[in-house]
PDB file of N, CA and C in Angstrom:
ATOM      1  N   MET A   1      11.795 -18.139 114.676  1.00  0.00           N
ATOM      2  CA  MET A   1      11.529 -19.620 114.363  1.00  0.00           C
ATOM      3  C   MET A   1       9.702 -19.661 113.957  1.00  0.00           C
ATOM      4  N   ILE A   2       9.509 -20.467 113.432  1.00  0.00           N
ATOM      5  CA  ILE A   2       8.215 -20.920 112.795  1.00  0.00           C
ATOM      6  C   ILE A   2       7.729 -22.284 113.495  1.00  0.00           C
ATOM      7  N   LEU A   3       6.209 -22.314 113.794  1.00  0.00           N
ATOM      8  CA  LEU A   3       5.721 -23.264 114.483  1.00  0.00           C
ATOM      9  C   LEU A   3       4.649 -23.557 113.400  1.00  0.00           C
ATOM     10  N   ALA A   4       4.705 -24.752 112.881  1.00  0.00           N
ATOM     11  CA  ALA A   4       3.815 -25.194 112.120  1.00  0.00           C
ATOM     12  C   ALA A   4       2.565 -26.850 112.443  1.00  0.00           C
ATOM     13  N   ASN A   5       1.323 -26.315 112.883  1.00  0.00           N
ATOM     14  CA  ASN A   5       0.424 -27.319 113.651  1.00  0.00           C
ATOM     15  C   ASN A   5       0.292 -28.166 111.712  1.00  0.00           C
ATOM     16  N   ALA A   6       0.473 -28.960 111.639  1.00  0.00           N
ATOM     17  CA  ALA A   6       0.079 -30.094 110.828  1.00  0.00           C
ATOM     18  C   ALA A   6      -0.955 -31.230 111.122  1.00  0.00           C
ATOM     19  N   SER A   7      -1.253 -31.401 112.612  1.00  0.00           N
ATOM     20  CA  SER A   7      -2.011 -32.156 112.813  1.00  0.00           C
ATOM     21  C   SER A   7      -3.601 -31.736 113.524  1.00  0.00           C
ATOM     22  N   ALA A   8      -4.322 -32.803 113.799  1.00  0.00           N
ATOM     23  CA  ALA A   8      -5.768 -32.477 113.834  1.00  0.00           C
ATOM     24  C   ALA A   8      -5.943 -32.088 115.296  1.00  0.00           C
ATOM     25  N   VAL A   9      -5.079 -31.656 116.122  1.00  0.00           N
ATOM     26  CA  VAL A   9      -5.337 -31.008 117.463  1.00  0.00           C
ATOM     27  C   VAL A   9      -5.674 -29.472 117.690  1.00  0.00           C
ATOM     28  N   GLY A  10      -7.233 -29.465 117.961  1.00  0.00           N
ATOM     29  CA  GLY A  10      -7.490 -28.217 118.078  1.00  0.00           C
ATOM     30  C   GLY A  10      -8.782 -27.851 117.178  1.00  0.00           C
ATOM     31  N   MET A  11      -8.708 -29.026 116.070  1.00  0.00           N
ATOM     32  CA  MET A  11      -9.965 -29.151 114.750  1.00  0.00           C
ATOM     33  C   MET A  11     -11.336 -29.274 116.052  1.00  0.00           C
ATOM     34  N   GLN A  12     -12.346 -28.857 115.290  1.00  0.00           N
ATOM     35  CA  GLN A  12     -13.696 -29.339 115.697  1.00  0.00           C
ATOM     36  C   GLN A  12     -13.758 -30.532 115.976  1.00  0.00           C
ATOM     37  N   PRO A  13     -14.494 -31.460 116.508  1.00  0.00           N
ATOM     38  CA  PRO A  13     -15.573 -30.930 118.108  1.00  0.00           C
ATOM     39  C   PRO A  13     -14.502 -30.607 119.300  1.00  0.00           C
ATOM     40  N   LYS A  14     -12.753 -30.954 119.041  1.00  0.00           N
ATOM     41  CA  LYS A  14     -12.359 -30.571 120.142  1.00  0.00           C
ATOM     42  C   LYS A  14     -11.613 -29.043 120.062  1.00  0.00           C
ATOM     43  N   SER A  15     -12.250 -28.375 119.552  1.00  0.00           N
ATOM     44  CA  SER A  15     -11.585 -27.136 119.379  1.00  0.00           C
ATOM     45  C   SER A  15     -10.782 -26.136 120.700  1.00  0.00           C
ATOM     46  N   ASP A  16     -11.545 -27.017 121.861  1.00  0.00           N
ATOM     47  CA  ASP A  16     -10.324 -26.502 123.089  1.00  0.00           C
ATOM     48  C   ASP A  16      -8.933 -27.050 123.078  1.00  0.00           C
ATOM     49  N   GLN A  17      -8.590 -27.871 122.339  1.00  0.00           N
ATOM     50  CA  GLN A  17      -7.447 -28.374 122.527  1.00  0.00           C
ATOM     51  C   GLN A  17      -6.387 -27.581 121.604  1.00  0.00           C
ATOM     52  N   THR A  18      -4.896 -27.731 122.592  1.00  0.00           N
ATOM     53  CA  THR A  18      -3.925 -26.694 121.318  1.00  0.00           C
ATOM     54  C   THR A  18      -2.509 -27.761 121.678  1.00  0.00           C
ATOM     55  N   PRO A  19      -1.775 -27.991 120.605  1.00  0.00           N
ATOM     56  CA  PRO A  19      -0.622 -28.516 120.556  1.00  0.00           C
ATOM     57  C   PRO A  19       0.687 -28.030 121.360  1.00  0.00           C
ATOM     58  N   ILE A  20       0.835 -26.864 121.822  1.00  0.00           N
ATOM     59  CA  ILE A  20       1.543 -26.610 122.686  1.00  0.00           C
ATOM     60  C   ILE A  20       1.131 -25.033 123.856  1.00  0.00           C
ATOM     61  N   SER A  21       1.680 -25.266 124.296  1.00  0.00           N
ATOM     62  CA  SER A  21       0.859 -24.074 125.933  1.00  0.00           C
ATOM     63  C   SER A  21       1.786 -22.955 125.581  1.00  0.00           C
ATOM     64  N   LYS A  22       0.897 -21.336 125.692  1.00  0.00           N
ATOM     65  CA  LYS A  22       0.486 -20.547 125.366  1.00  0.00           C
ATOM     66  C   LYS A  22       2.264 -19.907 125.709  1.00  0.00           C
ATOM     67  N   GLU A  23       2.461 -20.036 126.781  1.00  0.00           N
ATOM     68  CA  GLU A  23       4.492 -19.839 127.606  1.00  0.00           C
ATOM     69  C   GLU A  23       5.277 -19.914 126.275  1.00  0.00           C
ATOM     70  N   ALA A  24       4.923 -21.572 125.594  1.00  0.00           N
ATOM     71  CA  ALA A  24       5.678 -21.657 124.803  1.00  0.00           C
ATOM     72  C   ALA A  24       5.806 -21.204 123.231  1.00  0.00           C
ATOM     73  N   LEU A  25       4.584 -20.659 123.210  1.00  0.00           N
ATOM     74  CA  LEU A  25       4.496 -19.759 121.831  1.00  0.00           C
ATOM     75  C   LEU A  25       5.285 -18.075 121.901  1.00  0.00           C
ATOM     76  N   ARG A  26       5.720 -17.723 122.847  1.00  0.00           N
ATOM     77  CA  ARG A  26       6.560 -16.807 123.378  1.00  0.00           C
ATOM     78  C   ARG A  26       7.867 -17.148 122.248  1.00  0.00           C
ATOM     79  N   SER A  27       8.058 -18.335 121.770  1.00  0.00           N
ATOM     80  CA  SER A  27       9.383 -18.393 121.317  1.00  0.00           C
ATOM     81  C   SER A  27       9.367 -17.997 119.982  1.00  0.00           C
ATOM     82  N   TYR A  28       8.129 -18.316 119.340  1.00  0.00           N
ATOM     83  CA  TYR A  28       8.031 -17.981 117.890  1.00  0.00           C
ATOM     84  C   TYR A  28       7.491 -16.749 117.128  1.00  0.00           C
ATOM     85  N   GLU A  29       8.071 -16.504 116.395  1.00  0.00           N
ATOM     86  CA  GLU A  29       7.657 -15.201 115.389  1.00  0.00           C
ATOM     87  C   GLU A  29       6.625 -15.715 115.046  1.00  0.00           C
ATOM     88  N   LEU A  30       6.303 -16.876 113.635  1.00  0.00           N
ATOM     89  CA  LEU A  30       5.080 -16.886 113.308  1.00  0.00           C
ATOM     90  C   LEU A  30       4.453 -18.403 113.272  1.00  0.00           C
ATOM     91  N   VAL A  31       2.908 -18.998 113.832  1.00  0.00           N
ATOM     92  CA  VAL A  31       2.241 -19.855 113.950  1.00  0.00           C
ATOM     93  C   VAL A  31       1.755 -19.959 112.848  1.00  0.00           C
ATOM     94  N   PHE A  32       1.464 -21.537 112.230  1.00  0.00           N
ATOM     95  CA  PHE A  32       0.813 -21.692 111.525  1.00  0.00           C
ATOM     96  C   PHE A  32      -0.070 -22.593 111.631  1.00  0.00           C
ATOM     97  N   ASP A  33      -1.283 -22.758 111.196  1.00  0.00           N
ATOM     98  CA  ASP A  33      -1.879 -24.057 112.177  1.00  0.00           C
ATOM     99  C   ASP A  33      -3.007 -24.373 110.401  1.00  0.00           C
ATOM    100  N   ALA A  34      -2.745 -25.545 110.363  1.00  0.00           N
ATOM    101  CA  ALA A  34      -3.302 -26.108 109.543  1.00  0.00           C
ATOM    102  C   ALA A  34      -4.548 -26.794 109.317  1.00  0.00           C
ATOM    103  N   VAL A  35      -5.264 -26.484 110.691  1.00  0.00           N
ATOM    104  CA  VAL A  35      -6.600 -26.232 111.188  1.00  0.00           C
ATOM    105  C   VAL A  35      -7.601 -25.746 110.583  1.00  0.00           C
ATOM    106  N   TYR A  36      -8.705 -25.736 109.923  1.00  0.00           N
ATOM    107  CA  TYR A  36      -9.664 -24.732 109.219  1.00  0.00           C
ATOM    108  C   TYR A  36     -10.915 -25.170 110.088  1.00  0.00           C
ATOM    109  N   THR A  37     -11.107 -25.673 110.648  1.00  0.00           N
ATOM    110  CA  THR A  37     -12.308 -25.453 111.567  1.00  0.00           C
ATOM    111  C   THR A  37     -12.219 -25.712 113.136  1.00  0.00           C
ATOM    112  N   PRO A  38     -12.523 -24.675 114.231  1.00  0.00           N
ATOM    113  CA  PRO A  38     -12.374 -23.660 113.209  1.00  0.00           C
ATOM    114  C   PRO A  38     -11.281 -22.513 112.684  1.00  0.00           C
ATOM    115  N   ARG A  39     -11.768 -21.419 112.079  1.00  0.00           N
ATOM    116  CA  ARG A  39     -10.816 -20.809 111.763  1.00  0.00           C
ATOM    117  C   ARG A  39      -9.350 -20.199 112.596  1.00  0.00           C
ATOM    118  N   ASN A  40     -10.427 -19.595 113.456  1.00  0.00           N
ATOM    119  CA  ASN A  40      -9.249 -19.046 114.578  1.00  0.00           C
ATOM    120  C   ASN A  40      -9.267 -20.099 115.932  1.00  0.00           C
ATOM    121  N   THR A  41      -8.347 -21.040 115.288  1.00  0.00           N
ATOM    122  CA  THR A  41      -7.963 -21.745 116.451  1.00  0.00           C
ATOM    123  C   THR A  41      -7.613 -21.421 118.073  1.00  0.00           C
ATOM    124  N   ARG A  42      -7.602 -22.191 118.783  1.00  0.00           N
ATOM    125  CA  ARG A  42      -6.648 -21.928 120.105  1.00  0.00           C
ATOM    126  C   ARG A  42      -5.250 -21.246 120.040  1.00  0.00           C
ATOM    127  N   LEU A  43      -4.826 -22.355 119.268  1.00  0.00           N
ATOM    128  CA  LEU A  43      -3.496 -22.070 119.235  1.00  0.00           C
ATOM    129  C   LEU A  43      -2.986 -20.740 118.354  1.00  0.00           C
ATOM    130  N   LEU A  44      -4.474 -20.437 117.313  1.00  0.00           N
ATOM    131  CA  LEU A  44      -3.630 -18.971 116.502  1.00  0.00           C
ATOM    132  C   LEU A  44      -4.298 -17.968 117.497  1.00  0.00           C
ATOM    133  N   GLN A  45      -5.333 -17.873 118.504  1.00  0.00           N
ATOM    134  CA  GLN A  45      -5.674 -16.956 119.720  1.00  0.00           C
ATOM    135  C   GLN A  45      -4.715 -16.580 120.557  1.00  0.00           C
ATOM    136  N   GLU A  46      -3.738 -17.852 120.948  1.00  0.00           N
ATOM    137  CA  GLU A  46      -2.795 -17.895 121.745  1.00  0.00           C
ATOM    138  C   GLU A  46      -1.786 -17.025 121.613  1.00  0.00           C
ATOM    139  N   ALA A  47      -1.549 -17.331 120.171  1.00  0.00           N
ATOM    140  CA  ALA A  47       0.085 -16.880 119.442  1.00  0.00           C
ATOM    141  C   ALA A  47      -0.660 -15.245 119.175  1.00  0.00           C
ATOM    142  N   THR A  48      -1.700 -15.099 118.710  1.00  0.00           N
ATOM    143  CA  THR A  48      -1.679 -13.662 118.786  1.00  0.00           C
ATOM    144  C   THR A  48      -1.463 -12.887 119.987  1.00  0.00           C
ATOM    145  N   GLU A  49      -1.937 -13.837 121.279  1.00  0.00           N
ATOM    146  CA  GLU A  49      -2.119 -12.937 121.841  1.00  0.00           C
ATOM    147  C   GLU A  49      -0.588 -12.306 122.516  1.00  0.00           C
ATOM    148  N   VAL A  50       0.411 -13.227 122.406  1.00  0.00           N
ATOM    149  CA  VAL A  50       1.991 -13.411 122.507  1.00  0.00           C
ATOM    150  C   VAL A  50       2.721 -12.547 121.696  1.00  0.00           C
ATOM    151  N   GLY A  51       1.526 -12.069 120.989  1.00  0.00           N
ATOM    152  CA  GLY A  51       2.353 -11.221 119.479  1.00  0.00           C
ATOM    153  C   GLY A  51       3.229 -12.112 118.170  1.00  0.00           C
ATOM    154  N   ALA A  52       2.761 -13.155 118.327  1.00  0.00           N
ATOM    155  CA  ALA A  52       3.413 -13.741 116.937  1.00  0.00           C
ATOM    156  C   ALA A  52       2.292 -13.579 115.646  1.00  0.00           C
ATOM    157  N   THR A  53       3.155 -13.385 114.292  1.00  0.00           N
ATOM    158  CA  THR A  53       2.016 -13.452 113.243  1.00  0.00           C
ATOM    159  C   THR A  53       1.429 -14.417 113.127  1.00  0.00           C
ATOM    160  N   VAL A  54       0.112 -14.586 112.806  1.00  0.00           N
ATOM    161  CA  VAL A  54      -0.439 -15.996 112.670  1.00  0.00           C
ATOM    162  C   VAL A  54      -1.010 -16.052 111.287  1.00  0.00           C
ATOM    163  N   VAL A  55      -1.390 -17.288 110.609  1.00  0.00           N
ATOM    164  CA  VAL A  55      -1.519 -18.145 109.324  1.00  0.00           C
ATOM    165  C   VAL A  55      -2.554 -19.146 109.623  1.00  0.00           C
ATOM    166  N   SER A  56      -3.554 -18.948 109.264  1.00  0.00           N
ATOM    167  CA  SER A  56      -4.876 -20.087 109.305  1.00  0.00           C
ATOM    168  C   SER A  56      -4.889 -21.342 108.504  1.00  0.00           C
ATOM    169  N   GLY A  57      -5.164 -22.303 108.927  1.00  0.00           N
ATOM    170  CA  GLY A  57      -5.453 -23.413 107.537  1.00  0.00           C
ATOM    171  C   GLY A  57      -6.556 -22.362 106.191  1.00  0.00           C
ATOM    172  N   VAL A  58      -7.335 -21.729 106.760  1.00  0.00           N
ATOM    173  CA  VAL A  58      -8.153 -21.609 105.771  1.00  0.00           C
ATOM    174  C   VAL A  58      -7.296 -20.765 104.754  1.00  0.00           C
ATOM    175  N   GLU A  59      -6.419 -19.658 104.910  1.00  0.00           N
ATOM    176  CA  GLU A  59      -5.276 -19.320 103.957  1.00  0.00           C
ATOM    177  C   GLU A  59      -4.729 -20.355 103.315  1.00  0.00           C
ATOM    178  N   MET A  60      -4.558 -21.634 103.960  1.00  0.00           N
ATOM    179  CA  MET A  60      -3.717 -23.276 103.010  1.00  0.00           C
ATOM    180  C   MET A  60      -4.470 -23.915 102.185  1.00  0.00           C
ATOM    181  N   PHE A  61      -5.619 -23.683 102.429  1.00  0.00           N
ATOM    182  CA  PHE A  61      -6.881 -23.904 101.834  1.00  0.00           C
ATOM    183  C   PHE A  61      -7.187 -23.138 100.575  1.00  0.00           C
ATOM    184  N   VAL A  62      -7.252 -21.968 100.906  1.00  0.00           N
ATOM    185  CA  VAL A  62      -7.586 -20.720  99.531  1.00  0.00           C
ATOM    186  C   VAL A  62      -5.814 -21.104  98.532  1.00  0.00           C
ATOM    187  N   ARG A  63      -4.696 -21.465  98.867  1.00  0.00           N
ATOM    188  CA  ARG A  63      -3.467 -21.151  98.201  1.00  0.00           C
ATOM    189  C   ARG A  63      -3.806 -22.752  97.285  1.00  0.00           C
ATOM    190  N   GLN A  64      -4.160 -23.314  97.944  1.00  0.00           N
ATOM    191  CA  GLN A  64      -4.060 -25.047  97.369  1.00  0.00           C
ATOM    192  C   GLN A  64      -5.196 -25.184  96.202  1.00  0.00           C
ATOM    193  N   ALA A  65      -6.767 -23.965  96.231  1.00  0.00           N
ATOM    194  CA  ALA A  65      -7.492 -23.988  95.420  1.00  0.00           C
ATOM    195  C   ALA A  65      -7.047 -23.044  94.203  1.00  0.00           C
ATOM    196  N   LEU A  66      -5.848 -22.171  94.265  1.00  0.00           N
ATOM    197  CA  LEU A  66      -5.453 -21.317  93.536  1.00  0.00           C
ATOM    198  C   LEU A  66      -4.490 -22.313  92.585  1.00  0.00           C
ATOM    199  N   GLY A  67      -3.575 -22.937  93.250  1.00  0.00           N
ATOM    200  CA  GLY A  67      -2.532 -23.726  92.455  1.00  0.00           C
ATOM    201  C   GLY A  67      -3.742 -24.905  91.648  1.00  0.00           C
ATOM    202  N   GLN A  68      -4.615 -25.145  92.048  1.00  0.00           N
ATOM    203  CA  GLN A  68      -5.443 -26.642  91.608  1.00  0.00           C
ATOM    204  C   GLN A  68      -5.762 -25.694  90.286  1.00  0.00           C
ATOM    205  N   PHE A  69      -6.294 -24.385  90.317  1.00  0.00           N
ATOM    206  CA  PHE A  69      -6.979 -23.883  89.268  1.00  0.00           C
ATOM    207  C   PHE A  69      -6.139 -23.719  88.340  1.00  0.00           C
ATOM    208  N   LYS A  70      -4.930 -23.375  88.512  1.00  0.00           N
ATOM    209  CA  LYS A  70      -3.814 -23.116  87.780  1.00  0.00           C
ATOM    210  C   LYS A  70      -3.490 -24.319  86.804  1.00  0.00           C
ATOM    211  N   LEU A  71      -3.252 -25.546  87.545  1.00  0.00           N
ATOM    212  CA  LEU A  71      -3.254 -27.068  87.464  1.00  0.00           C
ATOM    213  C   LEU A  71      -4.301 -27.129  86.115  1.00  0.00           C
ATOM    214  N   PHE A  72      -5.550 -26.843  86.564  1.00  0.00           N
ATOM    215  CA  PHE A  72      -6.850 -27.534  85.433  1.00  0.00           C
ATOM    216  C   PHE A  72      -7.167 -26.625  84.344  1.00  0.00           C
ATOM    217  N   THR A  73      -6.575 -25.028  84.514  1.00  0.00           N
ATOM    218  CA  THR A  73      -7.080 -24.367  83.487  1.00  0.00           C
ATOM    219  C   THR A  73      -5.893 -23.684  82.834  1.00  0.00           C
ATOM    220  N   ASN A  74      -4.414 -23.861  83.224  1.00  0.00           N
ATOM    221  CA  ASN A  74      -3.333 -23.092  82.774  1.00  0.00           C
ATOM    222  C   ASN A  74      -3.360 -21.412  82.929  1.00  0.00           C
ATOM    223  N   GLY A  75      -4.043 -21.317  83.628  1.00  0.00           N
ATOM    224  CA  GLY A  75      -4.636 -19.778  83.677  1.00  0.00           C
ATOM    225  C   GLY A  75      -4.388 -19.294  84.873  1.00  0.00           C
ATOM    226  N   LEU A  76      -4.650 -18.033  85.438  1.00  0.00           N
ATOM    227  CA  LEU A  76      -4.295 -17.558  86.668  1.00  0.00           C
ATOM    228  C   LEU A  76      -5.638 -17.238  87.393  1.00  0.00           C
ATOM    229  N   ALA A  77      -5.894 -17.733  88.494  1.00  0.00           N
ATOM    230  CA  ALA A  77      -7.325 -17.401  89.482  1.00  0.00           C
ATOM    231  C   ALA A  77      -7.630 -16.363  89.702  1.00  0.00           C
ATOM    232  N   PRO A  78      -8.813 -15.584  89.722  1.00  0.00           N
ATOM    233  CA  PRO A  78      -9.363 -14.267  90.795  1.00  0.00           C
ATOM    234  C   PRO A  78      -9.237 -14.638  92.156  1.00  0.00           C
ATOM    235  N   VAL A  79      -7.743 -14.103  92.518  1.00  0.00           N
ATOM    236  CA  VAL A  79      -7.313 -14.504  93.933  1.00  0.00           C
ATOM    237  C   VAL A  79      -8.334 -13.561  94.693  1.00  0.00           C
ATOM    238  N   ASP A  80      -9.046 -12.781  94.636  1.00  0.00           N
ATOM    239  CA  ASP A  80      -9.852 -11.953  95.234  1.00  0.00           C
ATOM    240  C   ASP A  80     -11.135 -12.854  95.826  1.00  0.00           C
ATOM    241  N   PHE A  81     -11.777 -13.071  94.528  1.00  0.00           N
ATOM    242  CA  PHE A  81     -12.795 -13.658  94.608  1.00  0.00           C
ATOM    243  C   PHE A  81     -12.450 -14.921  95.589  1.00  0.00           C
ATOM    244  N   MET A  82     -11.356 -15.978  94.732  1.00  0.00           N
ATOM    245  CA  MET A  82     -11.544 -17.330  95.403  1.00  0.00           C
ATOM    246  C   MET A  82     -11.793 -17.013  96.894  1.00  0.00           C
ATOM    247  N   ARG A  83     -10.305 -16.115  97.484  1.00  0.00           N
ATOM    248  CA  ARG A  83     -10.119 -16.015  98.899  1.00  0.00           C
ATOM    249  C   ARG A  83     -11.821 -15.320  99.233  1.00  0.00           C
ATOM    250  N   ARG A  84     -12.624 -14.573  98.973  1.00  0.00           N
ATOM    251  CA  ARG A  84     -13.746 -14.338  99.457  1.00  0.00           C
ATOM    252  C   ARG A  84     -15.029 -15.529  99.682  1.00  0.00           C
ATOM    253  N   ILE A  85     -14.853 -16.182  99.073  1.00  0.00           N
ATOM    254  CA  ILE A  85     -15.784 -17.367  98.834  1.00  0.00           C
ATOM    255  C   ILE A  85     -15.114 -18.335  99.778  1.00  0.00           C
ATOM    256  N   VAL A  86     -14.255 -18.423  99.974  1.00  0.00           N
ATOM    257  CA  VAL A  86     -13.533 -19.677 100.765  1.00  0.00           C
ATOM    258  C   VAL A  86     -13.928 -19.107 102.057  1.00  0.00           C
ATOM    259  N   TYR A  87     -13.253 -17.543 102.514  1.00  0.00           N
ATOM    260  CA  TYR A  87     -14.015 -16.895 103.727  1.00  0.00           C
ATOM    261  C   TYR A  87     -15.524 -17.038 104.063  1.00  0.00           C
ATOM    262  N   GLU A  88     -16.126 -16.487 103.136  1.00  0.00           N
ATOM    263  CA  GLU A  88     -17.707 -16.907 103.120  1.00  0.00           C
ATOM    264  C   GLU A  88     -17.928 -18.473 104.119  1.00  0.00           C
ATOM    265  N   GLN A  89     -17.299 -19.670 103.382  1.00  0.00           N
ATOM    266  CA  GLN A  89     -17.545 -20.772 103.995  1.00  0.00           C
ATOM    267  C   GLN A  89     -16.902 -21.023 105.575  1.00  0.00           C
ATOM    268  N   PHE A  90     -16.025 -20.475 105.686  1.00  0.00           N
ATOM    269  CA  PHE A  90     -15.277 -21.047 106.853  1.00  0.00           C
ATOM    270  C   PHE A  90     -14.929 -19.821 107.534  1.00  0.00           C
TER     271      PHE A  90
END
């Protein structure tokens, strides 16, 4: 199963919050958190601890930038460069 948190739960300044208990996370193979500040939310930390694959909101942010680049330029964005720039900021 996949869990996708698309809420603001866990976003700064309330980064100590999580939308689901650590125990419940054991049911999920993949956990995505749209929150990108902080990058490694409590939800993602606890999902990692129980063995789930995690995807952060920062990765969503990168993918959005890549899509926008293509829409505006009709070309392919330099993926590694874009990812590095975003990760340096978040």
